[in-house]
Structure formats: structure tokens, C-alpha cells
Amino acid sequence: MKMNKHYNELKASYLFVDIAHKVAAYQEAHPEKEIIRLGIGDVTQPLAKCVVQAMRDAAEEMGTKEGFHGYGPEQGYPFLKQAIQGYYASRGTQLAEDEIFISDGAKSDLANLLGLFDVDNTVLVPDPVYPTYVDDNVTDGRKIIYSRTGQENGFLGMPDESVKADIIYICSPNNPTGAAYTRAQLKAWVDYARKNDAIILYDAAYECFISEGELARSIFEIEGARECAVEICSFSKIAGFTGTRCGYTVVPKELEREGMNINKLWLRRQTTKFNGVPYVVQRAAAAVFTESGMAEIQSNLDYYRRNAKVIADALDECGVWYCGGKNSPYIWLRCPGNMKSWEFFDWLLENCGVVGTPGVGFGECGEGYFRLTAFGDAEKTKLAAERIKTAIKAL
């Protein structure tokens, strides 16, 4: 038997394992100290009441002969796809129902979409970057090139005409930096993709945090994007489905390469290799887009936005550079005192009892930077911000 040796090349995947080991060792040595975790991008607020009720109702329905649902359509039930259509239409973006494919989450689709593309394609990813983009392609054996970002460009890479790429990853608002593209900036990427016959894989998992009007919520707000982009989205951040698992991918019918229609290819892939998301979960997801659902969801999002402001205000008082936090749940900060990323991790844990994520774990350009998340408990976030502020001022 021959094994896929590319798995030995994975490095970023160990980031959160390394963090867990460091924190466990620290807690064992200091059992009396309270640890506040602002590292992982998992939500903490419960599901909206109407979402839970929809799940209960669907479960009851499944327990009746007339309401039982067996195999459903692999691409998703019409009631959920139509709800997503309405969500996009409320922002001025029109989608056809058969352009929407329901999945068990954005992470799965980001990997599975690559099955449509040959391993000889060159992949362009930003640096720093969500590690999954890199690892998905490393395990397939594709060539990866990086769009380097930094403070000088606000951690928003722009097209380089001297670089040729076939698959382009864009995450906006970005994980880990929290930076978000304007429509004009995205138009430059769309123009680049069309010129180079490339396809953009647009990760819109954090679109719900955008509050500034010049920033795009969807790549399909951009003229020409339907001919060069696929959009991947998730219920994890907008509705707290990190443990419930539901997402969707939008593949426009205009998108074609080498005489093949990508929408039809993705439909064939999903109907061959995927059995769909449970009916109960899809009913819960549809409840997100009801009037009461959106009201409850916005309340939770505002909770996280307030947390982000608490952290940002503390950093402002200390004179620490950062981006994100306003249109994103992530705050990406420059490590004070010229510390390296892991050095600051250790310092923050030792002096503040706070856990974050070292920026270098997201790529070389992340060295010297650090990610904090606003997904924590509000009171603990306030306590963490005070500890951080006090410690940095004492440096």
C-alpha cells in the first residue's frame, strides 16, 4: 500500500495542539490561576430560541408517519435554499435556487471543492492565512504561492500582474487578521481572475460582522464575479452553529472552465459523495432567516461586537497597533516590545493569564503579531482587557 506522503508536510495543523499543551502545562504548574481563553474562534452564546424551537418541531415531525423524512436532496431542501435567497436579496444580490448548495459547514466545502480541480493548478493564498487553505492543497500536492501582507497594506493583499495563479483564496473579513476588502479592492481581484482564467474561492464565513457600507458582504456584489468566483459561507458565526454544523456554497451557473460548467460539476460531486444535511438541522438553519431569528441573531452578534470594542479600547489606551475588531470578531495586534509571536503568547499567559493565538501560526507574515477573539464571555473579556492593559503599560 502507498500512503499520501503529503500529510507529513502539514505543520500549521499543530498550532492549536501546541497551544493546548502549553496551557495545560501552565495550569498544572499554577492551579490557583484563572485562565481566560481568547484564542479559538468558537462562539459562546447559545442558539437563538426560535432556532431551538424549529429543531424541536422538526424532531417531533420526524417522529410521525406523515412527517418523517428519509433521504433528502443532497443539495439541500428548497425551504432553506429559498431562505438564503431572501437573505441575499435583502442586500441586493440575486441568486437562483439551484446555485445554492447546503453542506455540513464551510470547512468541508473548502476542501471538497478542490476535487473539481486538477493538482497541476497553482494556488494563491494570502499570508497570514487560515491554515486549512494551505493544508487542503498540500495534501493534494498542489503548488502554493503566497500573497504577502503586512501593516503597510493593512493585511489586505492585492493582485500582482507578474504572478500567475489558477485558484485564489480570499477571506473577507479575514481570519486571522480581521481585515476586510472594499468593493473596489474586490473588483481588482475579480478583474485579475477573469484575465488569468482563474477561480476565486471566496470564504464569506464572517460576512455578518460587516457594518461599514463600502465593504462587501458577498463577492457577487462585484460585477463579473459570477464568471470567476465561488462563495462559501457558514451558519457557525452568524448563528452559532459551530456544533450544529450547517453551511452553504454558492456556485453561479455562468462559471465555466475548459467547456465544463462548475455548477453542474459541483452538483454531480455532491450527489455522488454527499448525502445531505439532516432535515432537523436544515429546519433550524431556515429559522435563522425569519424576522424573530434575525433579531435574536443580531443580539448575539452585538454581544461579540461589544467584546471586540472592549479589547480594541484597551489596546488603544496602550498605543498598540491592531486591525480588525470593527467588522470582524478578530483583533490582530502587533506584539508589544518587539516580541515574537510565541514569546508574546508565553508573556501574555504568564503575566495576564490570557490565551490567544500566535500570529506566526498563520504564516511567516504573521510573525510578531497575535490574534485575540471576541467570542468569549463578556465579563471575562473585560477582565482580560484590564489585565492586558495593565501588563502592557508596565512593560
Protein backbone atom coordinates (compact mmCIF):
# COMPACT_ATOMS: atom_id res chain seq x y z
CA MET A 1 0.00 0.00 0.00
CA LYS A 2 1.20 3.51 -0.84
CA MET A 3 0.35 6.34 1.54
CA ASN A 4 -0.21 10.04 0.82
CA LYS A 5 3.17 11.39 1.93
CA HIS A 6 2.00 14.98 1.62
CA TYR A 7 0.38 14.65 5.06
CA ASN A 8 3.86 14.66 6.56
CA GLU A 9 4.27 18.19 5.22
CA LEU A 10 1.45 19.60 7.33
CA LYS A 11 2.65 21.99 10.01
CA ALA A 12 0.00 24.61 10.70
CA SER A 13 -2.48 21.97 11.85
CA TYR A 14 -0.47 21.52 15.03
CA LEU A 15 -0.90 25.16 16.06
CA PHE A 16 -3.86 24.65 18.36
CA VAL A 17 -2.46 21.36 19.66
CA ASP A 18 0.72 23.20 20.69
CA ILE A 19 -1.36 25.90 22.36
CA ALA A 20 -3.39 23.31 24.27
CA HIS A 21 -0.23 21.60 25.54
CA LYS A 22 1.31 24.89 26.68
CA VAL A 23 -1.84 25.95 28.51
CA ALA A 24 -2.25 22.54 30.16
CA ALA A 25 1.34 22.65 31.41
CA TYR A 26 0.87 26.16 32.75
CA GLN A 27 -2.36 25.23 34.55
CA GLU A 28 -0.71 22.21 36.12
CA ALA A 29 2.13 24.40 37.41
CA HIS A 30 -0.24 27.19 38.53
CA PRO A 31 -3.55 25.58 39.55
CA GLU A 32 -4.55 28.67 41.52
CA LYS A 33 -4.56 30.98 38.48
CA GLU A 34 -7.67 31.65 36.37
CA ILE A 35 -7.10 31.28 32.62
CA ILE A 36 -9.17 33.37 30.19
CA ARG A 37 -9.28 31.96 26.69
CA LEU A 38 -9.42 34.43 23.82
CA GLY A 39 -7.72 32.18 21.31
CA ILE A 40 -10.04 29.82 19.50
CA GLY A 41 -12.67 31.14 17.09
CA ASP A 42 -15.57 29.26 18.66
CA VAL A 43 -18.75 31.06 19.65
CA THR A 44 -20.06 31.04 23.24
CA GLN A 45 -23.60 32.41 23.02
CA PRO A 46 -26.40 29.80 22.82
CA LEU A 47 -28.52 29.14 19.76
CA ALA A 48 -31.40 31.56 19.23
CA LYS A 49 -34.66 30.45 20.87
CA CYS A 50 -36.53 30.28 17.56
CA VAL A 51 -33.75 28.10 16.12
CA VAL A 52 -34.03 25.67 19.03
CA GLN A 53 -37.82 25.64 18.69
CA ALA A 54 -37.51 24.87 14.97
CA MET A 55 -35.26 21.92 15.81
CA ARG A 56 -37.77 20.67 18.39
CA ASP A 57 -40.65 20.99 15.95
CA ALA A 58 -38.69 19.19 13.22
CA ALA A 59 -37.72 16.40 15.61
CA GLU A 60 -41.38 15.97 16.58
CA GLU A 61 -42.31 15.93 12.92
CA MET A 62 -39.76 13.18 12.26
CA GLY A 63 -41.49 11.09 14.91
CA THR A 64 -44.73 10.90 12.93
CA LYS A 65 -45.55 8.72 9.95
CA GLU A 66 -46.74 11.63 7.83
CA GLY A 67 -43.91 13.95 8.86
CA PHE A 68 -40.99 11.55 8.64
CA HIS A 69 -38.16 12.50 6.26
CA GLY A 70 -35.66 9.95 4.95
CA TYR A 71 -33.05 10.76 2.34
CA GLY A 72 -33.38 14.39 1.37
CA PRO A 73 -31.97 16.22 -1.66
CA GLU A 74 -28.16 16.20 -1.39
CA GLN A 75 -28.00 19.85 -2.40
CA GLY A 76 -30.44 20.93 0.33
CA TYR A 77 -34.17 21.32 0.90
CA PRO A 78 -35.89 24.09 -1.09
CA PHE A 79 -37.19 25.80 2.07
CA LEU A 80 -33.64 26.53 3.28
CA LYS A 81 -32.30 27.47 -0.13
CA GLN A 82 -35.19 29.90 -0.59
CA ALA A 83 -34.48 31.42 2.84
CA ILE A 84 -30.86 32.00 1.81
CA GLN A 85 -32.07 33.52 -1.46
CA GLY A 86 -34.12 36.01 0.56
CA TYR A 87 -31.15 36.82 2.81
CA TYR A 88 -29.02 37.72 -0.21
CA ALA A 89 -31.87 39.57 -1.93
CA SER A 90 -32.30 41.76 1.17
CA ARG A 91 -28.79 43.02 0.44
CA GLY A 92 -29.42 43.46 -3.28
CA THR A 93 -27.79 40.25 -4.51
CA GLN A 94 -29.91 37.89 -6.61
CA LEU A 95 -29.21 34.15 -6.61
CA ALA A 96 -31.01 31.27 -8.32
CA GLU A 97 -32.20 28.48 -6.04
CA ASP A 98 -30.15 25.88 -7.88
CA GLU A 99 -26.98 27.93 -7.38
CA ILE A 100 -27.14 27.30 -3.62
CA PHE A 101 -25.80 24.04 -2.18
CA ILE A 102 -26.34 23.21 1.52
CA SER A 103 -23.49 21.48 3.33
CA ASP A 104 -22.32 20.47 6.80
CA GLY A 105 -20.06 23.51 7.03
CA ALA A 106 -17.68 25.81 5.17
CA LYS A 107 -14.58 23.85 6.18
CA SER A 108 -15.84 20.74 4.39
CA ASP A 109 -16.75 22.61 1.21
CA LEU A 110 -13.42 24.45 1.11
CA ALA A 111 -11.69 21.07 0.92
CA ASN A 112 -14.22 19.24 -1.23
CA LEU A 113 -14.35 21.92 -3.93
CA LEU A 114 -10.72 21.17 -4.73
CA GLY A 115 -11.80 17.79 -6.05
CA LEU A 116 -13.11 19.60 -9.13
CA PHE A 117 -9.67 20.96 -10.00
CA ASP A 118 -6.52 19.21 -11.22
CA VAL A 119 -3.49 19.04 -8.93
CA ASP A 120 -1.44 20.86 -11.59
CA ASN A 121 -3.23 24.12 -10.79
CA THR A 122 -1.27 26.79 -8.91
CA VAL A 123 -2.94 28.12 -5.75
CA LEU A 124 -2.60 31.64 -4.40
CA VAL A 125 -3.28 32.20 -0.70
CA PRO A 126 -2.76 35.26 1.48
CA ASP A 127 -0.12 35.21 4.22
CA PRO A 128 -1.10 35.15 7.07
CA VAL A 129 -3.93 32.75 6.29
CA TYR A 130 -6.47 30.33 7.73
CA PRO A 131 -4.32 27.14 7.83
CA THR A 132 -6.97 24.94 6.20
CA TYR A 133 -6.47 26.66 2.82
CA VAL A 134 -2.84 25.61 2.79
CA ASP A 135 -3.26 22.14 4.25
CA ASP A 136 -6.10 21.19 1.88
CA ASN A 137 -3.80 21.86 -1.06
CA VAL A 138 -0.62 20.45 0.48
CA THR A 139 -2.34 17.09 0.96
CA ASP A 140 -3.38 17.13 -2.71
CA GLY A 141 0.11 18.08 -3.86
CA ARG A 142 -0.66 21.43 -5.49
CA LYS A 143 1.86 24.23 -5.84
CA ILE A 144 1.12 27.08 -3.42
CA ILE A 145 2.28 30.66 -3.76
CA TYR A 146 1.67 33.37 -1.20
CA SER A 147 0.34 36.91 -1.35
CA ARG A 148 2.38 38.53 1.39
CA THR A 149 0.59 41.08 3.55
CA GLY A 150 1.56 43.38 6.40
CA GLN A 151 0.84 46.65 8.15
CA GLU A 152 1.86 48.58 5.04
CA ASN A 153 -1.13 47.23 3.08
CA GLY A 154 -3.46 46.75 6.02
CA PHE A 155 -3.03 42.97 5.73
CA LEU A 156 -5.04 43.04 2.50
CA GLY A 157 -3.11 41.59 -0.41
CA MET A 158 -3.83 42.91 -3.88
CA PRO A 159 -3.27 41.33 -7.32
CA ASP A 160 0.24 41.24 -8.76
CA GLU A 161 0.19 41.07 -12.56
CA SER A 162 3.57 39.30 -12.54
CA VAL A 163 2.07 36.38 -10.59
CA LYS A 164 0.03 33.69 -12.36
CA ALA A 165 -2.43 31.69 -10.26
CA ASP A 166 -5.30 29.36 -11.13
CA ILE A 167 -7.11 29.15 -7.76
CA ILE A 168 -7.29 32.21 -5.49
CA TYR A 169 -8.39 32.16 -1.86
CA ILE A 170 -9.98 35.29 -0.44
CA CYS A 171 -11.39 35.50 3.08
CA SER A 172 -13.14 38.76 3.92
CA PRO A 173 -13.43 39.68 6.74
CA ASN A 174 -10.21 37.79 7.12
CA ASN A 175 -9.31 35.07 9.56
CA PRO A 176 -6.93 35.73 11.32
CA THR A 177 -6.38 39.45 10.69
CA GLY A 178 -9.95 40.79 10.73
CA ALA A 179 -9.17 42.97 7.70
CA ALA A 180 -11.97 43.34 5.12
CA TYR A 181 -11.94 44.30 1.44
CA THR A 182 -13.83 47.21 -0.07
CA ARG A 183 -15.85 46.61 -3.22
CA ALA A 184 -13.23 48.48 -5.25
CA GLN A 185 -10.48 46.19 -3.94
CA LEU A 186 -12.51 43.08 -4.70
CA LYS A 187 -13.18 44.39 -8.21
CA ALA A 188 -9.41 44.36 -8.77
CA TRP A 189 -9.31 40.69 -7.77
CA VAL A 190 -12.27 39.83 -9.99
CA ASP A 191 -10.61 41.56 -12.94
CA TYR A 192 -7.36 39.67 -12.24
CA ALA A 193 -9.18 36.33 -12.04
CA ARG A 194 -11.04 36.90 -15.31
CA LYS A 195 -7.86 37.99 -17.07
CA ASN A 196 -5.97 34.90 -15.87
CA ASP A 197 -8.85 32.45 -16.28
CA ALA A 198 -8.60 31.79 -12.52
CA ILE A 199 -11.30 30.91 -10.00
CA ILE A 200 -11.74 32.72 -6.68
CA LEU A 201 -12.78 30.65 -3.67
CA TYR A 202 -14.39 33.35 -1.54
CA ASP A 203 -14.76 32.50 2.14
CA ALA A 204 -17.59 34.67 3.49
CA ALA A 205 -17.91 32.97 6.89
CA TYR A 206 -17.65 36.30 8.74
CA GLU A 207 -19.75 38.49 6.42
CA CYS A 208 -22.35 39.01 9.16
CA PHE A 209 -19.89 41.15 11.16
CA ILE A 210 -19.52 43.79 8.43
CA SER A 211 -21.08 47.09 9.46
CA GLU A 212 -19.42 49.60 7.12
CA GLY A 213 -21.21 50.28 3.85
CA GLU A 214 -18.21 50.34 1.50
CA LEU A 215 -17.25 46.78 2.46
CA ALA A 216 -18.71 43.86 0.50
CA ARG A 217 -20.78 41.15 2.20
CA SER A 218 -20.62 38.91 -0.88
CA ILE A 219 -18.25 38.56 -3.82
CA PHE A 220 -21.34 38.57 -6.04
CA GLU A 221 -21.85 42.26 -5.28
CA ILE A 222 -18.94 42.75 -7.69
CA GLU A 223 -19.53 42.98 -11.44
CA GLY A 224 -18.04 40.00 -13.25
CA ALA A 225 -17.74 37.80 -10.14
CA ARG A 226 -20.35 35.34 -11.38
CA GLU A 227 -17.92 34.34 -14.13
CA CYS A 228 -14.95 33.66 -11.85
CA ALA A 229 -15.98 33.03 -8.23
CA VAL A 230 -17.48 30.51 -5.83
CA GLU A 231 -18.71 31.72 -2.44
CA ILE A 232 -18.51 29.55 0.68
CA CYS A 233 -20.48 30.54 3.75
CA SER A 234 -21.40 29.14 7.14
CA PHE A 235 -24.00 29.28 9.89
CA SER A 236 -21.26 28.86 12.50
CA LYS A 237 -20.57 32.52 13.14
CA ILE A 238 -23.86 34.17 12.17
CA ALA A 239 -25.99 31.73 14.19
CA GLY A 240 -23.66 29.78 16.50
CA PHE A 241 -23.83 26.52 14.53
CA THR A 242 -20.23 25.50 15.30
CA GLY A 243 -21.58 22.36 16.99
CA THR A 244 -24.75 22.05 14.91
CA ARG A 245 -22.94 22.02 11.53
CA CYS A 246 -24.53 23.69 8.55
CA GLY A 247 -23.18 25.85 5.75
CA TYR A 248 -23.69 26.53 2.07
CA THR A 249 -21.79 27.21 -1.12
CA VAL A 250 -22.94 29.41 -3.99
CA VAL A 251 -21.83 28.31 -7.47
CA PRO A 252 -23.13 30.61 -10.22
CA LYS A 253 -24.36 28.98 -13.41
CA GLU A 254 -22.22 31.29 -15.57
CA LEU A 255 -19.00 29.82 -14.14
CA GLU A 256 -17.31 27.60 -16.73
CA ARG A 257 -13.79 26.37 -17.42
CA GLU A 258 -12.48 24.21 -20.28
CA GLY A 259 -16.02 23.74 -21.59
CA MET A 260 -17.26 22.39 -18.24
CA ASN A 261 -19.93 24.05 -16.12
CA ILE A 262 -18.74 24.27 -12.49
CA ASN A 263 -22.30 24.41 -11.12
CA LYS A 264 -23.14 21.11 -12.82
CA LEU A 265 -19.85 19.55 -11.75
CA TRP A 266 -20.45 20.50 -8.12
CA LEU A 267 -23.99 19.14 -8.29
CA ARG A 268 -22.64 15.86 -9.61
CA ARG A 269 -19.96 15.74 -6.94
CA GLN A 270 -22.41 16.40 -4.11
CA THR A 271 -24.97 13.89 -5.33
CA THR A 272 -22.19 11.29 -5.62
CA LYS A 273 -20.19 11.86 -2.44
CA PHE A 274 -22.57 13.59 0.00
CA ASN A 275 -25.88 12.53 1.49
CA GLY A 276 -27.04 15.95 2.62
CA VAL A 277 -27.53 17.78 5.92
CA PRO A 278 -30.12 16.38 8.37
CA TYR A 279 -33.66 17.68 7.93
CA VAL A 280 -33.80 18.81 11.58
CA VAL A 281 -30.64 20.91 11.15
CA GLN A 282 -31.90 22.49 7.93
CA ARG A 283 -35.17 23.49 9.60
CA ALA A 284 -33.13 25.12 12.37
CA ALA A 285 -31.00 26.94 9.80
CA ALA A 286 -34.06 28.25 7.97
CA ALA A 287 -35.34 29.72 11.25
CA VAL A 288 -32.24 31.94 11.33
CA PHE A 289 -33.66 34.00 8.46
CA THR A 290 -37.10 34.59 9.97
CA GLU A 291 -37.88 38.02 11.44
CA SER A 292 -37.51 36.77 15.02
CA GLY A 293 -34.45 34.75 14.06
CA MET A 294 -32.59 37.71 12.60
CA ALA A 295 -33.46 39.82 15.65
CA GLU A 296 -32.05 37.20 18.04
CA ILE A 297 -29.02 36.63 15.84
CA GLN A 298 -28.22 40.34 15.76
CA SER A 299 -28.39 40.45 19.54
CA ASN A 300 -25.71 37.75 19.72
CA LEU A 301 -23.57 39.46 17.08
CA ASP A 302 -23.80 42.73 19.02
CA TYR A 303 -22.63 40.87 22.12
CA TYR A 304 -19.45 39.84 20.29
CA ARG A 305 -19.04 43.31 18.77
CA ARG A 306 -19.07 44.81 22.27
CA ASN A 307 -16.40 42.32 23.32
CA ALA A 308 -14.27 43.36 20.34
CA LYS A 309 -14.62 47.02 21.29
CA VAL A 310 -13.56 46.28 24.86
CA ILE A 311 -10.35 44.66 23.62
CA ALA A 312 -9.74 47.36 20.99
CA ASP A 313 -10.23 50.18 23.54
CA ALA A 314 -7.67 48.59 25.85
CA LEU A 315 -5.13 48.33 23.04
CA ASP A 316 -5.82 51.95 22.06
CA GLU A 317 -5.01 53.05 25.60
CA CYS A 318 -1.72 51.17 25.39
CA GLY A 319 -0.80 52.54 21.98
CA VAL A 320 -0.68 49.05 20.45
CA TRP A 321 -1.23 48.78 16.68
CA TYR A 322 -4.02 46.45 15.58
CA CYS A 323 -6.52 45.85 12.80
CA GLY A 324 -9.87 44.07 12.77
CA GLY A 325 -12.35 44.21 15.63
CA LYS A 326 -14.77 46.57 13.92
CA ASN A 327 -16.07 44.46 11.04
CA SER A 328 -14.74 41.23 12.43
CA PRO A 329 -14.69 39.22 15.69
CA TYR A 330 -10.88 39.04 15.50
CA ILE A 331 -8.35 41.59 16.72
CA TRP A 332 -4.94 41.26 15.08
CA LEU A 333 -2.32 43.14 17.08
CA ARG A 334 1.36 43.93 16.81
CA CYS A 335 3.17 42.26 19.70
CA PRO A 336 4.39 44.97 22.08
CA GLY A 337 8.06 45.31 22.95
CA ASN A 338 9.09 43.79 19.59
CA MET A 339 8.27 40.36 20.95
CA LYS A 340 7.93 37.39 18.62
CA SER A 341 4.53 35.73 18.40
CA TRP A 342 5.24 32.73 20.66
CA GLU A 343 7.26 34.93 23.02
CA PHE A 344 4.19 37.15 23.45
CA PHE A 345 1.99 34.07 23.90
CA ASP A 346 4.13 32.98 26.85
CA TRP A 347 4.30 36.52 28.23
CA LEU A 348 0.54 37.00 27.99
CA LEU A 349 -0.15 33.68 29.69
CA GLU A 350 2.36 34.31 32.47
CA ASN A 351 1.50 37.96 33.16
CA CYS A 352 -2.21 38.08 32.35
CA GLY A 353 -3.49 34.53 32.45
CA VAL A 354 -4.88 35.13 28.93
CA VAL A 355 -4.65 32.73 25.99
CA GLY A 356 -4.52 34.00 22.41
CA THR A 357 -3.15 32.70 19.12
CA PRO A 358 0.42 33.40 17.90
CA GLY A 359 0.32 35.08 14.52
CA VAL A 360 3.22 33.08 13.11
CA GLY A 361 0.98 30.02 13.28
CA PHE A 362 -0.93 31.51 10.34
CA GLY A 363 2.15 32.07 8.16
CA GLU A 364 5.53 33.76 8.01
CA CYS A 365 3.99 37.21 7.65
CA GLY A 366 2.22 36.66 10.97
CA GLU A 367 5.46 36.65 12.94
CA GLY A 368 5.42 39.43 15.51
CA TYR A 369 1.62 39.58 15.51
CA PHE A 370 -1.09 37.99 17.63
CA ARG A 371 -4.80 37.16 17.33
CA LEU A 372 -7.41 37.71 20.02
CA THR A 373 -11.04 36.72 19.61
CA ALA A 374 -14.20 38.48 20.71
CA PHE A 375 -16.15 35.24 21.02
CA GLY A 376 -15.60 34.91 24.78
CA ASP A 377 -17.77 35.69 27.79
CA ALA A 378 -18.35 39.45 28.20
CA GLU A 379 -17.27 39.71 31.86
CA LYS A 380 -14.19 37.58 31.28
CA THR A 381 -13.34 39.63 28.20
CA LYS A 382 -13.48 42.82 30.28
CA LEU A 383 -11.24 41.24 32.90
CA ALA A 384 -8.80 40.04 30.25
CA ALA A 385 -8.67 43.50 28.64
CA GLU A 386 -7.87 45.13 32.00
CA ARG A 387 -5.13 42.60 32.70
CA ILE A 388 -3.63 43.12 29.24
CA LYS A 389 -3.77 46.90 29.54
CA THR A 390 -2.13 46.90 32.96
CA ALA A 391 0.60 44.48 31.93
CA ILE A 392 1.49 46.26 28.68
CA LYS A 393 1.66 49.65 30.38
CA ALA A 394 4.11 48.16 32.86
CA LEU A 395 6.47 46.96 30.10
